[in-house]
Amino acid sequence: MVVMRTKNCLSPFRDALTFSALLLVLPAVRPVQEADRFQLSPPALQEAQLGPQPPCGKEPVPPYPGLEESAIVKSWNKSDLGRDWRPPPCTGWTAVGFTTLVTTVARFHHTSEAEGLLRHIGAISELAGMRYWSTTHKQWRTLIVDAYALTDWQPSQRRADFTPAEMKEGKVLYFEQADNLSGKAIYRMHIDEASADRLVFDVENVSTIHYLFITLFHPGEMESIYFLDRESENVWRYYSIVRTGKNANRLSAGNESSAVNRAVAFYRYLVGIPTGQEPPAAR
């Protein structure tokens, strides 16, 4: 389904339930020299049949835009992909289906080596203050209130940010993050690949996420994966998938625009666009 820039009259409670996966991304090394505009992926029969396809030995779906073109952001519909959509094997996700599913695809300028990107990925504390456009409140709001690395999955074990030396292929790391509406939760980050030309990492919630007294997501129901591939000396490719599981609280399915804006906040943070810069991807 194409994400439409339409007005949203859902309640703040519904906006909270559309909490997209709080996935770790890295801060920018330098600003992107382009207008912060986003392409809404057009309807395509082939895409609807295939579903998202990350860059794992196949051409990505949606495809990468040109370097000077806007990122392509797409919210996928269960009516197109089916209730039991199976994720591509290279994601490592075994559960079928989804409640929300958003892809963001782009090329971006970046002068850092892979080690520099890893350093920023590991800088968990720098995620605090990330902003997004709330379609319910019609204003820019802080998405991540606080964030810090953990020595393990216990919330009391705070530590300094992760270093590149720790972020080896196959490494599992934990961090805690506080969302603006649904509070604190613990996340597991797995480094799938780490080479000079390719970084792949995925994140999922370890703890149950609540809003007030209501369970929004059980462990593992908020997942995302990032693929960063070097195209040339100063150009990288970006592909992300953000998913909430099909058994997530059914009230979390009602606000596509909010899910898109939260996913875009991480993309902006990655490439150096101020996360609260006009215009938002969806109003």
C-alpha atoms as a PDB file:
ATOM      1  CA  MET A   1       0.000   0.000   0.000  1.00  0.00           C
ATOM      2  CA  VAL A   2       1.207   3.481  -0.833  1.00  0.00           C
ATOM      3  CA  VAL A   3       1.522   5.716   2.193  1.00  0.00           C
ATOM      4  CA  MET A   4      -0.742   8.715   1.643  1.00  0.00           C
ATOM      5  CA  ARG A   5      -0.110  12.138   3.161  1.00  0.00           C
ATOM      6  CA  THR A   6      -3.559  12.416   4.626  1.00  0.00           C
ATOM      7  CA  LYS A   7      -4.807  13.942   7.833  1.00  0.00           C
ATOM      8  CA  ASN A   8      -5.079  11.605  10.776  1.00  0.00           C
ATOM      9  CA  CYS A   9      -7.820  11.986  13.358  1.00  0.00           C
ATOM     10  CA  LEU A  10      -6.868   9.069  15.574  1.00  0.00           C
ATOM     11  CA  SER A  11      -6.507   9.582  19.307  1.00  0.00           C
ATOM     12  CA  PRO A  12      -3.194   9.987  21.153  1.00  0.00           C
ATOM     13  CA  PHE A  13      -3.773   6.509  22.540  1.00  0.00           C
ATOM     14  CA  ARG A  14      -3.891   5.053  19.016  1.00  0.00           C
ATOM     15  CA  ASP A  15      -0.767   7.006  18.133  1.00  0.00           C
ATOM     16  CA  ALA A  16       1.004   5.384  21.073  1.00  0.00           C
ATOM     17  CA  LEU A  17      -0.019   1.948  19.898  1.00  0.00           C
ATOM     18  CA  THR A  18       1.604   2.501  16.529  1.00  0.00           C
ATOM     19  CA  PHE A  19       4.981   2.583  18.227  1.00  0.00           C
ATOM     20  CA  SER A  20       7.300   1.402  15.468  1.00  0.00           C
ATOM     21  CA  ALA A  21      10.262  -0.812  16.254  1.00  0.00           C
ATOM     22  CA  LEU A  22      12.816   1.219  18.179  1.00  0.00           C
ATOM     23  CA  LEU A  23      15.760   0.203  16.128  1.00  0.00           C
ATOM     24  CA  LEU A  24      19.220   1.427  16.575  1.00  0.00           C
ATOM     25  CA  VAL A  25      20.708   3.628  13.875  1.00  0.00           C
ATOM     26  CA  LEU A  26      23.815   5.715  13.710  1.00  0.00           C
ATOM     27  CA  PRO A  27      24.272   9.463  13.845  1.00  0.00           C
ATOM     28  CA  ALA A  28      25.593  11.323  10.865  1.00  0.00           C
ATOM     29  CA  VAL A  29      29.215  12.036  10.112  1.00  0.00           C
ATOM     30  CA  ARG A  30      28.235  14.988   7.959  1.00  0.00           C
ATOM     31  CA  PRO A  31      24.942  16.443   6.703  1.00  0.00           C
ATOM     32  CA  VAL A  32      23.412  15.210   3.468  1.00  0.00           C
ATOM     33  CA  GLN A  33      23.502  17.839   0.779  1.00  0.00           C
ATOM     34  CA  GLU A  34      19.959  17.464  -0.509  1.00  0.00           C
ATOM     35  CA  ALA A  35      16.445  18.567   0.318  1.00  0.00           C
ATOM     36  CA  ASP A  36      14.811  16.317   2.860  1.00  0.00           C
ATOM     37  CA  ARG A  37      11.972  15.029   0.716  1.00  0.00           C
ATOM     38  CA  PHE A  38      10.582  11.539   0.625  1.00  0.00           C
ATOM     39  CA  GLN A  39       9.137   9.562  -2.256  1.00  0.00           C
ATOM     40  CA  LEU A  40       6.044   7.541  -1.479  1.00  0.00           C
ATOM     41  CA  SER A  41       6.486   4.291  -3.351  1.00  0.00           C
ATOM     42  CA  PRO A  42       3.893   4.051  -6.176  1.00  0.00           C
ATOM     43  CA  PRO A  43       1.559   1.060  -6.554  1.00  0.00           C
ATOM     44  CA  ALA A  44       3.249  -1.804  -8.356  1.00  0.00           C
ATOM     45  CA  LEU A  45       1.732  -5.224  -8.991  1.00  0.00           C
ATOM     46  CA  GLN A  46       5.107  -6.933  -8.964  1.00  0.00           C
ATOM     47  CA  GLU A  47       6.069  -5.341  -5.631  1.00  0.00           C
ATOM     48  CA  ALA A  48       2.746  -6.330  -4.109  1.00  0.00           C
ATOM     49  CA  GLN A  49       3.304  -9.919  -5.193  1.00  0.00           C
ATOM     50  CA  LEU A  50       6.906 -10.097  -4.015  1.00  0.00           C
ATOM     51  CA  GLY A  51       6.800  -8.066  -0.848  1.00  0.00           C
ATOM     52  CA  PRO A  52       9.929  -6.420   0.574  1.00  0.00           C
ATOM     53  CA  GLN A  53      13.201  -7.866  -0.689  1.00  0.00           C
ATOM     54  CA  PRO A  54      16.397  -6.687   1.019  1.00  0.00           C
ATOM     55  CA  PRO A  55      19.753  -6.747  -0.813  1.00  0.00           C
ATOM     56  CA  CYS A  56      20.631 -10.395  -0.178  1.00  0.00           C
ATOM     57  CA  GLY A  57      21.761 -11.786  -3.521  1.00  0.00           C
ATOM     58  CA  LYS A  58      18.675 -10.384  -5.246  1.00  0.00           C
ATOM     59  CA  GLU A  59      17.652  -6.997  -6.563  1.00  0.00           C
ATOM     60  CA  PRO A  60      16.044  -5.039  -3.708  1.00  0.00           C
ATOM     61  CA  VAL A  61      12.323  -4.328  -3.625  1.00  0.00           C
ATOM     62  CA  PRO A  62      11.648  -1.418  -3.569  1.00  0.00           C
ATOM     63  CA  PRO A  63      14.740  -0.571  -5.668  1.00  0.00           C
ATOM     64  CA  TYR A  64      17.316   1.993  -4.573  1.00  0.00           C
ATOM     65  CA  PRO A  65      16.641   5.538  -5.795  1.00  0.00           C
ATOM     66  CA  GLY A  66      19.385   7.637  -7.371  1.00  0.00           C
ATOM     67  CA  LEU A  67      21.976   9.242  -5.113  1.00  0.00           C
ATOM     68  CA  GLU A  68      20.468  12.718  -5.430  1.00  0.00           C
ATOM     69  CA  GLU A  69      16.910  11.437  -5.239  1.00  0.00           C
ATOM     70  CA  SER A  70      14.773  11.178  -2.136  1.00  0.00           C
ATOM     71  CA  ALA A  71      14.494   8.095   0.034  1.00  0.00           C
ATOM     72  CA  ILE A  72      11.662   5.746  -0.897  1.00  0.00           C
ATOM     73  CA  VAL A  73       9.375   4.959   2.034  1.00  0.00           C
ATOM     74  CA  LYS A  74       6.696   2.291   1.713  1.00  0.00           C
ATOM     75  CA  SER A  75       4.078   0.951   4.110  1.00  0.00           C
ATOM     76  CA  TRP A  76       2.960  -2.536   3.069  1.00  0.00           C
ATOM     77  CA  ASN A  77      -0.604  -3.802   3.262  1.00  0.00           C
ATOM     78  CA  LYS A  78      -1.731  -7.207   4.511  1.00  0.00           C
ATOM     79  CA  SER A  79      -4.348  -7.308   1.742  1.00  0.00           C
ATOM     80  CA  ASP A  80      -1.471  -7.353  -0.783  1.00  0.00           C
ATOM     81  CA  LEU A  81       0.954  -9.685   0.977  1.00  0.00           C
ATOM     82  CA  GLY A  82      -1.455 -11.904   2.906  1.00  0.00           C
ATOM     83  CA  ARG A  83      -1.887 -12.533   6.614  1.00  0.00           C
ATOM     84  CA  ASP A  84       0.925 -15.108   6.666  1.00  0.00           C
ATOM     85  CA  TRP A  85       3.568 -13.241   4.649  1.00  0.00           C
ATOM     86  CA  ARG A  86       6.928 -14.949   5.039  1.00  0.00           C
ATOM     87  CA  PRO A  87       9.948 -12.670   5.563  1.00  0.00           C
ATOM     88  CA  PRO A  88      12.943 -13.146   3.245  1.00  0.00           C
ATOM     89  CA  PRO A  89      15.263 -15.824   4.692  1.00  0.00           C
ATOM     90  CA  CYS A  90      18.205 -13.432   5.037  1.00  0.00           C
ATOM     91  CA  THR A  91      16.326 -11.410   7.665  1.00  0.00           C
ATOM     92  CA  GLY A  92      16.537 -14.346  10.055  1.00  0.00           C
ATOM     93  CA  TRP A  93      12.904 -13.738  11.055  1.00  0.00           C
ATOM     94  CA  THR A  94      10.983 -16.969  11.516  1.00  0.00           C
ATOM     95  CA  ALA A  95       7.525 -15.695  12.472  1.00  0.00           C
ATOM     96  CA  VAL A  96       5.093 -15.065   9.617  1.00  0.00           C
ATOM     97  CA  GLY A  97       2.779 -12.120   9.069  1.00  0.00           C
ATOM     98  CA  PHE A  98       2.799  -8.563  10.394  1.00  0.00           C
ATOM     99  CA  THR A  99       0.682  -5.814  11.862  1.00  0.00           C
ATOM    100  CA  THR A 100       2.754  -2.951  10.456  1.00  0.00           C
ATOM    101  CA  LEU A 101       5.523  -3.240   7.874  1.00  0.00           C
ATOM    102  CA  VAL A 102       7.580  -0.279   6.604  1.00  0.00           C
ATOM    103  CA  THR A 103      10.599  -0.202   4.287  1.00  0.00           C
ATOM    104  CA  THR A 104      12.965   2.727   3.710  1.00  0.00           C
ATOM    105  CA  VAL A 105      15.424   2.621   0.821  1.00  0.00           C
ATOM    106  CA  ALA A 106      18.065   5.224  -0.080  1.00  0.00           C
ATOM    107  CA  ARG A 107      21.554   6.086  -1.232  1.00  0.00           C
ATOM    108  CA  PHE A 108      23.525   8.577   0.846  1.00  0.00           C
ATOM    109  CA  HIS A 109      26.887  10.327   0.999  1.00  0.00           C
ATOM    110  CA  HIS A 110      29.119   9.195   3.843  1.00  0.00           C
ATOM    111  CA  THR A 111      32.850   9.717   4.236  1.00  0.00           C
ATOM    112  CA  SER A 112      33.438   7.399   7.185  1.00  0.00           C
ATOM    113  CA  GLU A 113      34.856   3.909   6.950  1.00  0.00           C
ATOM    114  CA  ALA A 114      32.812   0.973   8.222  1.00  0.00           C
ATOM    115  CA  GLU A 115      34.516   1.260  11.607  1.00  0.00           C
ATOM    116  CA  GLY A 116      33.244   4.804  11.921  1.00  0.00           C
ATOM    117  CA  LEU A 117      29.721   3.640  11.181  1.00  0.00           C
ATOM    118  CA  LEU A 118      30.021   0.922  13.798  1.00  0.00           C
ATOM    119  CA  ARG A 119      31.190   3.481  16.330  1.00  0.00           C
ATOM    120  CA  HIS A 120      28.025   5.488  15.735  1.00  0.00           C
ATOM    121  CA  ILE A 121      25.798   2.421  15.798  1.00  0.00           C
ATOM    122  CA  GLY A 122      27.244   1.606  19.189  1.00  0.00           C
ATOM    123  CA  ALA A 123      26.715   5.126  20.538  1.00  0.00           C
ATOM    124  CA  ILE A 124      23.435   4.215  22.206  1.00  0.00           C
ATOM    125  CA  SER A 125      23.355   7.298  24.421  1.00  0.00           C
ATOM    126  CA  GLU A 126      23.285   9.578  21.365  1.00  0.00           C
ATOM    127  CA  LEU A 127      19.844   8.293  20.376  1.00  0.00           C
ATOM    128  CA  ALA A 128      18.270  10.351  23.171  1.00  0.00           C
ATOM    129  CA  GLY A 129      16.464  13.387  21.801  1.00  0.00           C
ATOM    130  CA  MET A 130      15.524  11.919  18.404  1.00  0.00           C
ATOM    131  CA  ARG A 131      12.375  13.643  17.075  1.00  0.00           C
ATOM    132  CA  TYR A 132       9.489  12.644  14.825  1.00  0.00           C
ATOM    133  CA  TRP A 133       6.271  14.208  13.508  1.00  0.00           C
ATOM    134  CA  SER A 134       3.233  13.126  15.532  1.00  0.00           C
ATOM    135  CA  THR A 135       0.269  12.839  13.169  1.00  0.00           C
ATOM    136  CA  THR A 136      -2.097  12.973  16.140  1.00  0.00           C
ATOM    137  CA  HIS A 137      -0.650  16.040  17.868  1.00  0.00           C
ATOM    138  CA  LYS A 138       0.347  17.758  14.605  1.00  0.00           C
ATOM    139  CA  GLN A 139       3.753  18.749  15.932  1.00  0.00           C
ATOM    140  CA  TRP A 140       7.338  17.582  16.239  1.00  0.00           C
ATOM    141  CA  ARG A 141       7.850  15.522  19.380  1.00  0.00           C
ATOM    142  CA  THR A 142      10.735  13.714  21.042  1.00  0.00           C
ATOM    143  CA  LEU A 143      10.665  10.055  20.074  1.00  0.00           C
ATOM    144  CA  ILE A 144      13.470   8.698  22.282  1.00  0.00           C
ATOM    145  CA  VAL A 145      13.654  10.251  25.728  1.00  0.00           C
ATOM    146  CA  ASP A 146      16.621   8.252  27.010  1.00  0.00           C
ATOM    147  CA  ALA A 147      18.870   5.393  25.867  1.00  0.00           C
ATOM    148  CA  TYR A 148      21.897   3.562  27.252  1.00  0.00           C
ATOM    149  CA  ALA A 149      23.892   0.389  26.719  1.00  0.00           C
ATOM    150  CA  LEU A 150      23.627  -2.600  29.065  1.00  0.00           C
ATOM    151  CA  THR A 151      26.115  -5.293  30.016  1.00  0.00           C
ATOM    152  CA  ASP A 152      23.388  -7.913  29.545  1.00  0.00           C
ATOM    153  CA  TRP A 153      19.603  -8.101  29.395  1.00  0.00           C
ATOM    154  CA  GLN A 154      19.163  -6.906  32.999  1.00  0.00           C
ATOM    155  CA  PRO A 155      17.934  -3.277  33.173  1.00  0.00           C
ATOM    156  CA  SER A 156      20.151  -2.403  36.147  1.00  0.00           C
ATOM    157  CA  GLN A 157      23.411  -3.181  34.329  1.00  0.00           C
ATOM    158  CA  ARG A 158      24.159   0.155  32.620  1.00  0.00           C
ATOM    159  CA  ARG A 159      27.500   0.652  30.905  1.00  0.00           C
ATOM    160  CA  ALA A 160      29.291   2.971  28.470  1.00  0.00           C
ATOM    161  CA  ASP A 161      28.440   2.975  24.771  1.00  0.00           C
ATOM    162  CA  PHE A 162      29.610   0.030  22.673  1.00  0.00           C
ATOM    163  CA  THR A 163      32.903   0.309  20.777  1.00  0.00           C
ATOM    164  CA  PRO A 164      33.678  -0.965  17.271  1.00  0.00           C
ATOM    165  CA  ALA A 165      35.993  -3.578  18.767  1.00  0.00           C
ATOM    166  CA  GLU A 166      33.003  -5.102  20.566  1.00  0.00           C
ATOM    167  CA  MET A 167      30.730  -5.086  17.537  1.00  0.00           C
ATOM    168  CA  LYS A 168      32.083  -8.096  15.720  1.00  0.00           C
ATOM    169  CA  GLU A 169      30.074 -10.281  13.373  1.00  0.00           C
ATOM    170  CA  GLY A 170      27.797 -12.544  15.395  1.00  0.00           C
ATOM    171  CA  LYS A 171      27.952 -10.372  18.524  1.00  0.00           C
ATOM    172  CA  VAL A 172      24.795  -9.890  20.609  1.00  0.00           C
ATOM    173  CA  LEU A 173      24.437  -6.639  22.552  1.00  0.00           C
ATOM    174  CA  TYR A 174      21.710  -5.220  24.786  1.00  0.00           C
ATOM    175  CA  PHE A 175      20.444  -1.719  25.446  1.00  0.00           C
ATOM    176  CA  GLU A 176      17.525   0.019  27.126  1.00  0.00           C
ATOM    177  CA  GLN A 177      15.512   2.743  25.494  1.00  0.00           C
ATOM    178  CA  ALA A 178      12.664   4.957  26.701  1.00  0.00           C
ATOM    179  CA  ASP A 179       9.997   5.879  24.171  1.00  0.00           C
ATOM    180  CA  ASN A 180       8.038   9.104  24.593  1.00  0.00           C
ATOM    181  CA  LEU A 181       4.735   7.294  25.151  1.00  0.00           C
ATOM    182  CA  SER A 182       5.255   3.647  26.027  1.00  0.00           C
ATOM    183  CA  GLY A 183       8.179   3.997  28.398  1.00  0.00           C
ATOM    184  CA  LYS A 184      11.258   1.844  28.889  1.00  0.00           C
ATOM    185  CA  ALA A 185      12.041  -1.432  27.144  1.00  0.00           C
ATOM    186  CA  ILE A 186      15.120  -3.596  26.644  1.00  0.00           C
ATOM    187  CA  TYR A 187      16.334  -4.457  23.139  1.00  0.00           C
ATOM    188  CA  ARG A 188      18.720  -7.010  21.721  1.00  0.00           C
ATOM    189  CA  MET A 189      20.992  -5.983  18.854  1.00  0.00           C
ATOM    190  CA  HIS A 190      22.645  -8.681  16.758  1.00  0.00           C
ATOM    191  CA  ILE A 191      25.527  -7.881  14.402  1.00  0.00           C
ATOM    192  CA  ASP A 192      24.758 -10.105  11.406  1.00  0.00           C
ATOM    193  CA  GLU A 193      27.591  -8.917   9.149  1.00  0.00           C
ATOM    194  CA  ALA A 194      30.499  -6.545   9.705  1.00  0.00           C
ATOM    195  CA  SER A 195      33.027  -5.985   6.928  1.00  0.00           C
ATOM    196  CA  ALA A 196      34.694  -3.003   5.262  1.00  0.00           C
ATOM    197  CA  ASP A 197      31.913  -2.805   2.658  1.00  0.00           C
ATOM    198  CA  ARG A 198      28.814  -4.199   4.347  1.00  0.00           C
ATOM    199  CA  LEU A 199      27.145  -3.845   7.738  1.00  0.00           C
ATOM    200  CA  VAL A 200      23.962  -5.681   8.671  1.00  0.00           C
ATOM    201  CA  PHE A 201      22.366  -5.598  12.105  1.00  0.00           C
ATOM    202  CA  ASP A 202      18.949  -6.390  13.498  1.00  0.00           C
ATOM    203  CA  VAL A 203      17.151  -5.360  16.676  1.00  0.00           C
ATOM    204  CA  GLU A 204      14.158  -6.752  18.569  1.00  0.00           C
ATOM    205  CA  ASN A 205      12.497  -6.101  21.899  1.00  0.00           C
ATOM    206  CA  VAL A 206      13.465  -8.442  24.730  1.00  0.00           C
ATOM    207  CA  SER A 207      11.032  -7.130  27.321  1.00  0.00           C
ATOM    208  CA  THR A 208       7.260  -6.759  27.038  1.00  0.00           C
ATOM    209  CA  ILE A 209       6.153  -3.255  26.042  1.00  0.00           C
ATOM    210  CA  HIS A 210       3.124  -1.711  27.737  1.00  0.00           C
ATOM    211  CA  TYR A 211       1.097   1.456  27.452  1.00  0.00           C
ATOM    212  CA  LEU A 212      -0.409   2.176  30.840  1.00  0.00           C
ATOM    213  CA  PHE A 213      -1.837  -1.247  31.798  1.00  0.00           C
ATOM    214  CA  ILE A 214      -2.236  -2.564  28.263  1.00  0.00           C
ATOM    215  CA  THR A 215       0.284  -4.895  26.634  1.00  0.00           C
ATOM    216  CA  LEU A 216       1.287  -3.589  23.235  1.00  0.00           C
ATOM    217  CA  PHE A 217       4.036  -5.995  22.200  1.00  0.00           C
ATOM    218  CA  HIS A 218       5.298  -9.226  23.668  1.00  0.00           C
ATOM    219  CA  PRO A 219       9.048 -10.035  23.399  1.00  0.00           C
ATOM    220  CA  GLY A 220      10.176 -10.340  19.787  1.00  0.00           C
ATOM    221  CA  GLU A 221       7.120  -8.607  18.303  1.00  0.00           C
ATOM    222  CA  MET A 222       9.046  -5.460  17.350  1.00  0.00           C
ATOM    223  CA  GLU A 223      11.734  -6.231  14.803  1.00  0.00           C
ATOM    224  CA  SER A 224      13.853  -4.316  12.347  1.00  0.00           C
ATOM    225  CA  ILE A 225      16.876  -4.976  10.240  1.00  0.00           C
ATOM    226  CA  TYR A 226      19.320  -2.602   8.514  1.00  0.00           C
ATOM    227  CA  PHE A 227      21.516  -3.269   5.489  1.00  0.00           C
ATOM    228  CA  LEU A 228      24.321  -0.759   4.842  1.00  0.00           C
ATOM    229  CA  ASP A 229      26.369  -1.429   1.710  1.00  0.00           C
ATOM    230  CA  ARG A 230      29.272   0.609   0.374  1.00  0.00           C
ATOM    231  CA  GLU A 231      28.694   1.548  -3.252  1.00  0.00           C
ATOM    232  CA  SER A 232      31.823   3.655  -3.742  1.00  0.00           C
ATOM    233  CA  GLU A 233      34.361   5.522  -1.628  1.00  0.00           C
ATOM    234  CA  ASN A 234      31.867   8.083  -0.314  1.00  0.00           C
ATOM    235  CA  VAL A 235      28.508   6.541  -1.142  1.00  0.00           C
ATOM    236  CA  TRP A 236      26.554   3.950   0.848  1.00  0.00           C
ATOM    237  CA  ARG A 237      23.249   2.215   0.240  1.00  0.00           C
ATOM    238  CA  TYR A 238      20.590   1.965   2.937  1.00  0.00           C
ATOM    239  CA  TYR A 239      17.768  -0.574   3.212  1.00  0.00           C
ATOM    240  CA  SER A 240      15.641  -1.088   6.314  1.00  0.00           C
ATOM    241  CA  ILE A 241      12.589  -3.137   7.233  1.00  0.00           C
ATOM    242  CA  VAL A 242      10.588  -2.351  10.364  1.00  0.00           C
ATOM    243  CA  ARG A 243       7.938  -4.844  11.435  1.00  0.00           C
ATOM    244  CA  THR A 244       5.516  -5.404  14.293  1.00  0.00           C
ATOM    245  CA  GLY A 245       4.269  -8.985  14.581  1.00  0.00           C
ATOM    246  CA  LYS A 246       0.835 -10.119  13.473  1.00  0.00           C
ATOM    247  CA  ASN A 247      -0.142 -10.942  17.074  1.00  0.00           C
ATOM    248  CA  ALA A 248       0.633  -7.450  18.333  1.00  0.00           C
ATOM    249  CA  ASN A 249      -2.183  -5.541  19.991  1.00  0.00           C
ATOM    250  CA  ARG A 250      -4.776  -5.031  17.263  1.00  0.00           C
ATOM    251  CA  LEU A 251      -5.089  -1.340  18.124  1.00  0.00           C
ATOM    252  CA  SER A 252      -1.539  -0.843  16.864  1.00  0.00           C
ATOM    253  CA  ALA A 253      -2.606  -1.271  13.240  1.00  0.00           C
ATOM    254  CA  GLY A 254      -4.563   1.920  12.807  1.00  0.00           C
ATOM    255  CA  ASN A 255      -2.030   4.638  12.019  1.00  0.00           C
ATOM    256  CA  GLU A 256       0.263   4.028   9.047  1.00  0.00           C
ATOM    257  CA  SER A 257       1.450   7.630   8.951  1.00  0.00           C
ATOM    258  CA  SER A 258       2.798   7.429  12.493  1.00  0.00           C
ATOM    259  CA  ALA A 259       4.640   4.170  11.738  1.00  0.00           C
ATOM    260  CA  VAL A 260       6.173   5.781   8.640  1.00  0.00           C
ATOM    261  CA  ASN A 261       7.280   8.913  10.499  1.00  0.00           C
ATOM    262  CA  ARG A 262       8.948   6.901  13.240  1.00  0.00           C
ATOM    263  CA  ALA A 263      10.824   4.760  10.714  1.00  0.00           C
ATOM    264  CA  VAL A 264      11.886   7.894   8.817  1.00  0.00           C
ATOM    265  CA  ALA A 265      13.214   9.453  12.035  1.00  0.00           C
ATOM    266  CA  PHE A 266      15.860   6.721  12.170  1.00  0.00           C
ATOM    267  CA  TYR A 267      16.724   7.150   8.498  1.00  0.00           C
ATOM    268  CA  ARG A 268      17.183  10.897   8.981  1.00  0.00           C
ATOM    269  CA  TYR A 269      19.364  10.301  11.998  1.00  0.00           C
ATOM    270  CA  LEU A 270      21.506   7.941   9.984  1.00  0.00           C
ATOM    271  CA  VAL A 271      22.196  10.243   7.055  1.00  0.00           C
ATOM    272  CA  GLY A 272      22.553  13.498   8.954  1.00  0.00           C
ATOM    273  CA  ILE A 273      19.231  15.209   8.361  1.00  0.00           C
ATOM    274  CA  PRO A 274      17.861  16.904  11.493  1.00  0.00           C
ATOM    275  CA  THR A 275      15.109  14.602  12.661  1.00  0.00           C
ATOM    276  CA  GLY A 276      12.753  17.509  13.316  1.00  0.00           C
ATOM    277  CA  GLN A 277      13.290  19.223   9.963  1.00  0.00           C
ATOM    278  CA  GLU A 278      10.336  20.132   7.750  1.00  0.00           C
ATOM    279  CA  PRO A 279       8.612  18.538   6.002  1.00  0.00           C
ATOM    280  CA  PRO A 280       7.699  15.246   7.691  1.00  0.00           C
ATOM    281  CA  ALA A 281       7.294  12.175   5.510  1.00  0.00           C
ATOM    282  CA  ALA A 282       3.579  11.985   6.335  1.00  0.00           C
ATOM    283  CA  ARG A 283       1.190  14.401   8.008  1.00  0.00           C
END
